[in-house]
């Protein structure tokens, strides 16, 4: 997938990371199958696109809110244990869903309940698996770990859809079986990770046996927790810490704005092609082109994050959406509409690897669950605006103006990054820890979590 680089910390010789990657990949495959298949199953069962849309929308809202408390769980408890627990509970839920499919017990209400339960589960437990990276990968390898994740995700995006299509065409129950197999692999690898000797811990604060009983502050000292604030207070602490960090706020706003601009453009293109009567095969080429470009970018991510300043990667990655989305208001060519979004995303995997990797280095271990969940909620919270802008824009001002709005969002993101020294000056992977240390006082861990 992605080759190891000759750097101070060798990522692929870290057996705990490789074991984690197996578990996380199995989980991602199961999630990808669910994301693809459940809306189609809902449409088959209900026969009503509106009802299927309600199920999907409710699931998105539930997973966002559940992930906030998931961040609290990840910071309170041992994260590997949460991975094991999550794999077990997930397997039980998927088995129950499969039984409902086989027995023909699905209807709108049942599907809505299944979506709510699964979304709650994913929101509560996914962040623990993400946060484990902070415990098992050294700071000077976190960028390459994120790059490997980007490559893995690109391959899964390309493979999960056709695999899901074949399974669904044969029988919806096969989706449940495939998800059960993925859940079993996830659980086995998570158990193996928990049993490994922690000989590759990279600092005295790499892992905490149980976060209910102790915390570590910025200097690495350990203090007992004599009283615990409520979950809402802990969530606020994570958000407050994030907003105080001048080096992380621009990352948050940049990812939110560029995702919204790009999603608005692609959603507008899909709606426009449908209105023009283009075949589903033609519209599907957009997803294939984006998937191929993302995979190419993911393969470039590893050498880039280890050798090139993260600030430089950010500027270059944001230039492409400005240039490519910027031409869309002035063309009605289908090949251009398909190629432009793909080119726009070519450097997105290196961008994600750099910004997410640096964020993971900067966030203290005891706050990583809550801060990462807060970042996810803020970035994803703007995404529902994309179909609203696309739909309302096409209905009122037409495709050119709507695509122009998307282009302006991308351009504004580029200007924001260009005018933000804290973002523009981000170093290459080896310098992330030292750079993050410059902002430690502004983001010092609240006393209540020490």
Protein backbone atom coordinates (compact mmCIF):
# COMPACT_ATOMS: atom_id res chain seq x y z
CA UNK A 1 0.00 0.00 0.00
CA UNK A 2 2.42 2.61 1.24
CA UNK A 3 6.07 1.83 1.68
CA UNK A 4 7.96 2.56 4.86
CA UNK A 5 10.35 5.46 4.85
CA UNK A 6 13.82 5.67 6.36
CA UNK A 7 13.02 8.02 9.21
CA UNK A 8 13.82 8.01 12.94
CA UNK A 9 10.74 5.89 13.68
CA UNK A 10 9.97 2.99 11.35
CA UNK A 11 6.20 2.75 11.08
CA UNK A 12 5.89 -0.73 9.59
CA UNK A 13 8.17 -2.37 12.15
CA UNK A 14 5.73 -1.27 14.86
CA UNK A 15 3.75 -4.49 15.38
CA UNK A 16 1.13 -2.75 17.50
CA UNK A 17 0.42 -0.28 14.69
CA UNK A 18 0.14 -3.05 12.08
CA UNK A 19 -2.26 -4.97 14.33
CA UNK A 20 -4.29 -1.81 14.90
CA UNK A 21 -4.42 -1.21 11.14
CA UNK A 22 -5.83 -4.71 10.53
CA UNK A 23 -8.56 -4.12 13.12
CA UNK A 24 -9.37 -0.62 11.89
CA UNK A 25 -9.43 -1.72 8.23
CA UNK A 26 -11.89 -4.51 9.01
CA UNK A 27 -14.07 -2.00 10.86
CA UNK A 28 -13.86 0.47 7.97
CA UNK A 29 -14.85 -2.21 5.44
CA UNK A 30 -17.90 -3.15 7.48
CA UNK A 31 -18.83 0.51 7.84
CA UNK A 32 -18.38 1.07 4.12
CA UNK A 33 -20.68 -1.83 3.28
CA UNK A 34 -23.28 -0.48 5.70
CA UNK A 35 -23.04 3.04 4.26
CA UNK A 36 -23.55 1.70 0.74
CA UNK A 37 -26.18 -0.96 1.40
CA UNK A 38 -28.48 0.36 4.12
CA UNK A 39 -29.93 3.27 2.08
CA UNK A 40 -30.58 0.90 -0.86
CA UNK A 41 -32.15 -1.70 1.43
CA UNK A 42 -34.33 1.05 2.90
CA UNK A 43 -35.38 2.13 -0.59
CA UNK A 44 -36.20 -1.48 -1.56
CA UNK A 45 -38.22 -2.07 1.59
CA UNK A 46 -40.13 1.22 1.77
CA UNK A 47 -40.35 2.07 -1.92
CA UNK A 48 -40.28 5.71 -0.87
CA UNK A 49 -37.15 7.83 -1.51
CA UNK A 50 -38.36 10.34 1.09
CA UNK A 51 -38.52 7.68 3.81
CA UNK A 52 -35.10 6.33 2.83
CA UNK A 53 -33.78 9.89 3.02
CA UNK A 54 -35.24 10.36 6.50
CA UNK A 55 -33.48 7.21 7.68
CA UNK A 56 -30.13 8.41 6.30
CA UNK A 57 -30.53 11.93 7.69
CA UNK A 58 -31.45 10.70 11.18
CA UNK A 59 -28.41 8.42 11.15
CA UNK A 60 -26.09 11.34 10.32
CA UNK A 61 -27.47 13.44 13.17
CA UNK A 62 -27.30 10.59 15.69
CA UNK A 63 -23.70 9.67 14.87
CA UNK A 64 -22.56 13.29 15.25
CA UNK A 65 -24.09 13.71 18.69
CA UNK A 66 -23.03 10.23 19.86
CA UNK A 67 -19.44 10.88 18.82
CA UNK A 68 -19.20 13.74 21.32
CA UNK A 69 -19.81 11.34 24.19
CA UNK A 70 -17.64 8.80 22.40
CA UNK A 71 -14.77 11.23 22.83
CA UNK A 72 -15.46 11.35 26.58
CA UNK A 73 -15.39 7.54 26.75
CA UNK A 74 -12.11 7.42 24.84
CA UNK A 75 -10.52 9.82 27.33
CA UNK A 76 -11.96 8.17 30.42
CA UNK A 77 -11.13 4.52 29.68
CA UNK A 78 -8.48 2.32 28.13
CA UNK A 79 -8.92 2.76 24.38
CA UNK A 80 -7.86 -0.74 23.33
CA UNK A 81 -10.43 -2.21 25.70
CA UNK A 82 -13.03 0.04 24.11
CA UNK A 83 -11.96 -1.27 20.69
CA UNK A 84 -12.51 -4.85 21.85
CA UNK A 85 -15.85 -3.97 23.47
CA UNK A 86 -16.97 -2.07 20.38
CA UNK A 87 -16.11 -4.98 18.07
CA UNK A 88 -18.11 -7.36 20.25
CA UNK A 89 -21.16 -5.11 20.53
CA UNK A 90 -20.97 -4.31 16.83
CA UNK A 91 -20.94 -8.00 15.94
CA UNK A 92 -24.03 -8.60 18.06
CA UNK A 93 -25.87 -5.67 16.46
CA UNK A 94 -24.94 -6.80 12.94
CA UNK A 95 -26.08 -10.36 13.74
CA UNK A 96 -29.43 -8.99 14.88
CA UNK A 97 -29.75 -6.92 11.70
CA UNK A 98 -28.97 -9.98 9.58
CA UNK A 99 -31.69 -11.98 11.32
CA UNK A 100 -34.19 -9.19 10.59
CA UNK A 101 -33.19 -9.25 6.92
CA UNK A 102 -33.42 -13.05 6.63
CA UNK A 103 -36.82 -13.20 8.34
CA UNK A 104 -38.24 -10.37 6.24
CA UNK A 105 -39.01 -8.28 9.33
CA UNK A 106 -37.84 -4.97 7.91
CA UNK A 107 -40.14 -1.99 7.50
CA UNK A 108 -39.68 1.76 7.83
CA UNK A 109 -39.92 1.80 11.62
CA UNK A 110 -37.58 -1.17 12.05
CA UNK A 111 -35.05 0.24 9.61
CA UNK A 112 -35.16 3.59 11.37
CA UNK A 113 -34.49 1.83 14.67
CA UNK A 114 -31.63 -0.17 13.15
CA UNK A 115 -30.10 3.03 11.77
CA UNK A 116 -30.37 4.81 15.11
CA UNK A 117 -28.82 1.90 17.04
CA UNK A 118 -25.96 1.39 14.57
CA UNK A 119 -25.26 5.12 14.33
CA UNK A 120 -25.19 5.42 18.11
CA UNK A 121 -22.79 2.49 18.28
CA UNK A 122 -20.45 3.95 15.64
CA UNK A 123 -20.50 7.35 17.30
CA UNK A 124 -19.66 5.93 20.74
CA UNK A 125 -16.85 3.58 19.74
CA UNK A 126 -15.20 4.81 16.52
CA UNK A 127 -13.29 7.65 18.19
CA UNK A 128 -11.61 5.21 20.61
CA UNK A 129 -10.02 3.34 17.72
CA UNK A 130 -8.84 6.58 16.12
CA UNK A 131 -7.42 7.80 19.42
CA UNK A 132 -5.33 4.64 19.94
CA UNK A 133 -2.92 5.93 17.29
CA UNK A 134 -1.74 8.53 19.81
CA UNK A 135 -0.84 5.69 22.19
CA UNK A 136 1.03 3.39 19.80
CA UNK A 137 2.65 5.58 17.14
CA UNK A 138 5.48 8.03 17.91
CA UNK A 139 5.02 11.69 17.05
CA UNK A 140 7.53 11.59 14.19
CA UNK A 141 5.56 8.81 12.46
CA UNK A 142 1.98 10.01 12.95
CA UNK A 143 1.95 11.76 9.58
CA UNK A 144 2.92 8.56 7.78
CA UNK A 145 0.34 6.62 9.81
CA UNK A 146 -2.34 9.06 8.66
CA UNK A 147 -1.05 8.74 5.08
CA UNK A 148 -1.37 4.95 5.28
CA UNK A 149 -4.91 5.40 6.55
CA UNK A 150 -5.68 7.68 3.59
CA UNK A 151 -4.43 5.03 1.15
CA UNK A 152 -6.42 2.34 2.93
CA UNK A 153 -9.57 4.45 2.85
CA UNK A 154 -9.15 5.18 -0.86
CA UNK A 155 -8.85 1.48 -1.66
CA UNK A 156 -11.91 0.69 0.45
CA UNK A 157 -13.92 3.43 -1.26
CA UNK A 158 -13.08 1.92 -4.64
CA UNK A 159 -13.74 -1.65 -3.50
CA UNK A 160 -16.64 -1.43 -1.03
CA UNK A 161 -19.18 -0.12 -3.55
CA UNK A 162 -18.76 -2.87 -6.19
CA UNK A 163 -18.47 -5.52 -3.48
CA UNK A 164 -21.62 -4.23 -1.83
CA UNK A 165 -23.38 -4.16 -5.19
CA UNK A 166 -22.53 -7.80 -5.91
CA UNK A 167 -23.59 -8.92 -2.43
CA UNK A 168 -26.80 -6.91 -2.51
CA UNK A 169 -27.72 -8.25 -5.96
CA UNK A 170 -27.30 -11.81 -4.66
CA UNK A 171 -29.19 -11.23 -1.43
CA UNK A 172 -29.37 -8.50 1.19
CA UNK A 173 -28.53 -11.04 3.90
CA UNK A 174 -25.05 -11.42 2.38
CA UNK A 175 -24.32 -7.82 3.37
CA UNK A 176 -24.94 -8.81 6.97
CA UNK A 177 -22.70 -11.88 6.65
CA UNK A 178 -19.87 -9.83 5.13
CA UNK A 179 -20.20 -7.26 7.92
CA UNK A 180 -20.12 -10.07 10.50
CA UNK A 181 -16.88 -11.42 9.03
CA UNK A 182 -15.39 -7.92 9.11
CA UNK A 183 -16.50 -7.51 12.72
CA UNK A 184 -14.90 -10.85 13.67
CA UNK A 185 -11.55 -9.84 12.12
CA UNK A 186 -11.80 -6.48 13.87
CA UNK A 187 -12.40 -8.16 17.23
CA UNK A 188 -9.60 -10.72 16.86
CA UNK A 189 -7.06 -8.05 15.93
CA UNK A 190 -8.24 -5.77 18.76
CA UNK A 191 -7.83 -8.59 21.29
CA UNK A 192 -4.35 -9.32 19.92
CA UNK A 193 -3.48 -5.62 20.25
CA UNK A 194 -4.58 -5.64 23.87
CA UNK A 195 -2.46 -8.70 24.66
CA UNK A 196 0.73 -7.43 23.09
CA UNK A 197 3.56 -6.42 25.36
CA UNK A 198 3.83 -2.65 25.33
CA UNK A 199 7.49 -2.61 24.48
CA UNK A 200 7.07 -0.06 21.69
CA UNK A 201 5.60 2.66 23.90
CA UNK A 202 7.21 5.83 22.73
CA UNK A 203 7.03 7.92 25.88
CA UNK A 204 6.07 7.71 29.51
CA UNK A 205 2.60 9.02 28.62
CA UNK A 206 1.93 6.69 25.68
CA UNK A 207 -0.76 4.66 27.37
CA UNK A 208 -2.75 4.90 30.55
CA UNK A 209 -4.11 1.63 32.03
CA UNK A 210 -7.42 3.20 32.99
CA UNK A 211 -8.24 6.86 32.46
CA UNK A 212 -10.83 6.71 35.21
CA UNK A 213 -8.08 6.76 37.85
CA UNK A 214 -5.29 8.93 36.53
CA UNK A 215 -4.38 11.68 34.08
CA UNK A 216 -1.16 13.08 32.75
CA UNK A 217 -0.55 16.76 32.35
CA UNK A 218 1.48 18.52 29.65
CA UNK A 219 4.75 17.91 31.49
CA UNK A 220 4.12 14.17 31.83
CA UNK A 221 3.46 14.04 35.59
CA UNK A 222 0.57 11.92 36.83
CA UNK A 223 -2.09 13.11 39.23
CA UNK A 224 -5.05 11.23 40.62
CA UNK A 225 -8.52 12.25 39.67
CA UNK A 226 -10.46 12.70 42.86
CA UNK A 227 -13.63 14.03 41.30
CA UNK A 228 -15.08 13.82 37.82
CA UNK A 229 -17.06 16.49 36.11
CA UNK A 230 -20.08 15.51 34.06
CA UNK A 231 -19.88 14.41 30.43
CA UNK A 232 -21.11 17.77 29.13
CA UNK A 233 -18.44 19.60 31.12
CA UNK A 234 -15.77 17.29 29.74
CA UNK A 235 -17.02 17.84 26.19
CA UNK A 236 -16.84 21.62 26.78
CA UNK A 237 -13.28 21.24 28.06
CA UNK A 238 -12.27 19.53 24.82
CA UNK A 239 -13.94 22.18 22.66
CA UNK A 240 -12.49 25.00 24.78
CA UNK A 241 -8.99 23.56 24.55
CA UNK A 242 -9.32 23.29 20.77
CA UNK A 243 -10.51 26.86 20.36
CA UNK A 244 -7.64 28.24 22.44
CA UNK A 245 -5.01 26.70 20.16
CA UNK A 246 -3.96 29.21 17.50
CA UNK A 247 -2.25 26.44 15.52
CA UNK A 248 -5.33 24.15 15.41
CA UNK A 249 -8.14 26.64 14.86
CA UNK A 250 -7.02 27.38 11.28
CA UNK A 251 -6.84 23.64 10.56
CA UNK A 252 -10.40 23.23 11.80
CA UNK A 253 -11.78 26.14 9.76
CA UNK A 254 -9.79 25.18 6.66
CA UNK A 255 -11.08 21.60 6.61
CA UNK A 256 -14.65 22.74 7.25
CA UNK A 257 -14.68 25.37 4.51
CA UNK A 258 -12.94 23.34 1.79
CA UNK A 259 -15.14 20.30 2.47
CA UNK A 260 -18.25 22.45 2.20
CA UNK A 261 -17.09 24.11 -1.01
CA UNK A 262 -16.09 20.85 -2.68
CA UNK A 263 -19.20 18.96 -1.53
CA UNK A 264 -21.40 21.78 -2.84
CA UNK A 265 -19.68 21.53 -6.23
CA UNK A 266 -19.96 17.75 -6.53
CA UNK A 267 -23.56 17.66 -5.29
CA UNK A 268 -24.51 20.38 -7.78
CA UNK A 269 -22.87 18.41 -10.60
CA UNK A 270 -24.74 15.23 -9.65
CA UNK A 271 -28.09 17.05 -9.47
CA UNK A 272 -27.36 18.86 -12.75
CA UNK A 273 -26.42 15.67 -14.60
CA UNK A 274 -29.59 14.00 -13.33
CA UNK A 275 -31.70 16.95 -14.50
CA UNK A 276 -30.06 16.76 -17.92
CA UNK A 277 -31.02 13.10 -18.24
CA UNK A 278 -27.53 11.62 -18.11
CA UNK A 279 -27.42 7.89 -17.39
CA UNK A 280 -26.52 6.54 -13.94
CA UNK A 281 -23.40 5.04 -15.51
CA UNK A 282 -22.20 8.48 -16.58
CA UNK A 283 -22.97 9.95 -13.18
CA UNK A 284 -21.17 7.01 -11.56
CA UNK A 285 -18.01 7.97 -13.45
CA UNK A 286 -17.73 10.99 -11.15
CA UNK A 287 -17.34 8.75 -8.12
CA UNK A 288 -14.89 6.48 -9.93
CA UNK A 289 -12.76 9.42 -11.06
CA UNK A 290 -12.71 10.87 -7.54
CA UNK A 291 -11.80 7.47 -6.09
CA UNK A 292 -8.92 6.99 -8.53
CA UNK A 293 -7.56 10.49 -7.90
CA UNK A 294 -7.82 9.99 -4.16
CA UNK A 295 -5.87 6.73 -4.37
CA UNK A 296 -3.09 8.42 -6.39
CA UNK A 297 -2.96 11.23 -3.85
CA UNK A 298 -2.87 8.75 -0.98
CA UNK A 299 0.16 7.00 -2.49
CA UNK A 300 1.90 10.39 -2.68
CA UNK A 301 1.03 11.27 0.91
CA UNK A 302 3.73 9.24 2.68
CA UNK A 303 6.79 10.76 0.95
CA UNK A 304 5.24 14.23 1.01
CA UNK A 305 4.40 14.48 4.73
CA UNK A 306 7.84 13.24 5.73
CA UNK A 307 9.79 15.55 3.40
CA UNK A 308 7.64 18.62 2.66
CA UNK A 309 6.43 21.29 5.08
CA UNK A 310 2.79 20.75 6.04
CA UNK A 311 2.14 24.43 5.35
CA UNK A 312 3.37 24.03 1.78
CA UNK A 313 1.25 20.91 1.28
CA UNK A 314 -1.77 22.84 2.53
CA UNK A 315 -1.30 25.76 0.14
CA UNK A 316 -0.70 23.52 -2.89
CA UNK A 317 -3.64 21.26 -2.00
CA UNK A 318 -5.98 24.26 -1.75
CA UNK A 319 -4.85 25.74 -5.07
CA UNK A 320 -6.26 22.78 -7.00
CA UNK A 321 -9.91 23.19 -5.87
CA UNK A 322 -9.70 26.92 -6.55
CA UNK A 323 -8.48 26.32 -10.11
CA UNK A 324 -10.67 23.35 -11.03
CA UNK A 325 -13.92 24.26 -9.31
CA UNK A 326 -13.38 27.80 -10.60
CA UNK A 327 -13.84 26.68 -14.21
CA UNK A 328 -17.08 24.77 -13.59
CA UNK A 329 -19.41 27.81 -13.75
CA UNK A 330 -18.18 28.46 -17.29
CA UNK A 331 -18.66 25.01 -18.85
CA UNK A 332 -21.40 22.47 -19.51
CA UNK A 333 -19.03 19.75 -20.75
CA UNK A 334 -19.69 16.41 -19.04
CA UNK A 335 -16.03 15.26 -19.26
CA UNK A 336 -14.91 18.52 -17.61
CA UNK A 337 -17.55 18.14 -14.88
CA UNK A 338 -16.20 14.67 -14.12
CA UNK A 339 -12.50 15.45 -14.41
CA UNK A 340 -12.44 18.76 -12.50
CA UNK A 341 -13.57 17.40 -9.09
CA UNK A 342 -11.15 14.49 -9.41
CA UNK A 343 -8.21 16.81 -10.09
CA UNK A 344 -9.33 19.03 -7.22
CA UNK A 345 -8.93 16.11 -4.80
CA UNK A 346 -5.54 14.92 -6.01
CA UNK A 347 -3.64 16.46 -3.09
CA UNK A 348 -6.38 16.05 -0.50
CA UNK A 349 -4.92 12.82 1.01
CA UNK A 350 -1.54 14.50 1.69
CA UNK A 351 -3.45 17.49 3.09
CA UNK A 352 -5.47 15.26 5.41
CA UNK A 353 -2.41 13.27 6.45
CA UNK A 354 -0.49 16.46 7.27
CA UNK A 355 -3.23 18.33 9.12
CA UNK A 356 -4.68 15.32 10.96
CA UNK A 357 -1.21 14.01 11.78
CA UNK A 358 -0.09 17.35 13.19
CA UNK A 359 -3.33 17.66 15.15
CA UNK A 360 -2.76 14.25 16.72
CA UNK A 361 0.76 15.29 17.77
CA UNK A 362 -0.48 18.58 19.24
CA UNK A 363 -3.39 17.19 21.25
CA UNK A 364 -2.49 15.84 24.73
CA UNK A 365 -3.18 12.14 25.23
CA UNK A 366 -5.79 12.77 27.91
CA UNK A 367 -7.82 15.04 25.60
CA UNK A 368 -7.37 13.39 22.21
CA UNK A 369 -10.75 11.64 22.21
CA UNK A 370 -12.80 14.73 23.01
CA UNK A 371 -10.82 17.10 20.79
CA UNK A 372 -10.89 14.76 17.79
CA UNK A 373 -14.61 14.17 18.23
CA UNK A 374 -15.18 17.94 18.47
CA UNK A 375 -13.19 18.45 15.26
CA UNK A 376 -15.23 15.76 13.51
CA UNK A 377 -18.54 17.25 14.60
CA UNK A 378 -17.59 20.78 13.56
CA UNK A 379 -16.18 19.72 10.17
CA UNK A 380 -19.03 17.30 9.43
CA UNK A 381 -21.69 19.59 10.86
CA UNK A 382 -21.41 21.89 7.87
CA UNK A 383 -21.79 19.07 5.33
CA UNK A 384 -25.63 18.99 5.30
CA UNK A 385 -25.47 22.55 3.93
CA UNK A 386 -23.99 21.24 0.66
CA UNK A 387 -27.15 19.57 -0.70
CA UNK A 388 -29.22 22.50 0.58
CA UNK A 389 -27.05 25.02 -1.30
CA UNK A 390 -27.00 22.82 -4.40
CA UNK A 391 -30.73 22.15 -4.45
CA UNK A 392 -31.82 25.70 -3.63
CA UNK A 393 -29.25 27.18 -5.99
CA UNK A 394 -30.28 25.06 -8.98
CA UNK A 395 -33.94 25.88 -8.33
CA UNK A 396 -33.47 29.64 -8.00
CA UNK A 397 -30.28 31.03 -9.54
CA UNK A 398 -29.20 28.20 -11.86
CA UNK A 399 -26.12 25.96 -12.13
CA UNK A 400 -23.56 28.62 -13.06
CA UNK A 401 -24.23 30.77 -10.00
CA UNK A 402 -24.48 27.73 -7.73
CA UNK A 403 -21.14 26.41 -8.92
CA UNK A 404 -19.79 29.93 -8.55
CA UNK A 405 -20.79 29.86 -4.88
CA UNK A 406 -18.87 26.60 -4.48
CA UNK A 407 -15.86 28.16 -6.19
CA UNK A 408 -16.00 31.18 -3.88
CA UNK A 409 -16.03 28.89 -0.83
CA UNK A 410 -12.90 27.13 -2.12
CA UNK A 411 -11.22 30.46 -2.90
CA UNK A 412 -12.05 31.83 0.56
CA UNK A 413 -10.45 28.75 2.12
CA UNK A 414 -7.27 29.31 0.12
CA UNK A 415 -7.10 32.98 1.15
CA UNK A 416 -7.67 32.01 4.79
CA UNK A 417 -4.77 29.55 4.68
CA UNK A 418 -2.51 31.97 2.84
CA UNK A 419 -3.16 34.71 5.41
CA UNK A 420 -2.71 32.49 8.48
CA UNK A 421 0.97 32.28 9.57
CA UNK A 422 0.29 29.53 12.10
CA UNK A 423 -1.03 27.31 9.30
CA UNK A 424 1.37 28.41 6.59
CA UNK A 425 4.42 27.78 8.81
CA UNK A 426 3.60 24.18 9.75
CA UNK A 427 6.81 22.12 9.31
CA UNK A 428 7.36 18.63 7.92
CA UNK A 429 6.53 15.60 10.07
CA UNK A 430 9.80 15.51 12.03
CA UNK A 431 9.26 19.06 13.30
CA UNK A 432 5.64 18.75 14.42
CA UNK A 433 6.30 18.09 18.11
CA UNK A 434 8.62 21.10 18.46
CA UNK A 435 6.20 23.34 16.55
CA UNK A 436 3.22 22.23 18.67
CA UNK A 437 5.22 22.93 21.85
CA UNK A 438 5.27 26.65 20.96
CA UNK A 439 1.50 26.79 21.56
CA UNK A 440 1.37 24.68 24.73
CA UNK A 441 0.57 27.51 27.14
CA UNK A 442 -2.46 28.62 25.11
CA UNK A 443 -3.86 25.11 25.14
CA UNK A 444 -2.79 23.90 28.56
CA UNK A 445 -4.87 21.01 29.84
CA UNK A 446 -7.65 22.17 32.19
CA UNK A 447 -7.01 21.34 35.83
CA UNK A 448 -10.21 19.31 36.03
CA UNK A 449 -8.81 16.64 33.71
CA UNK A 450 -5.38 16.35 35.25
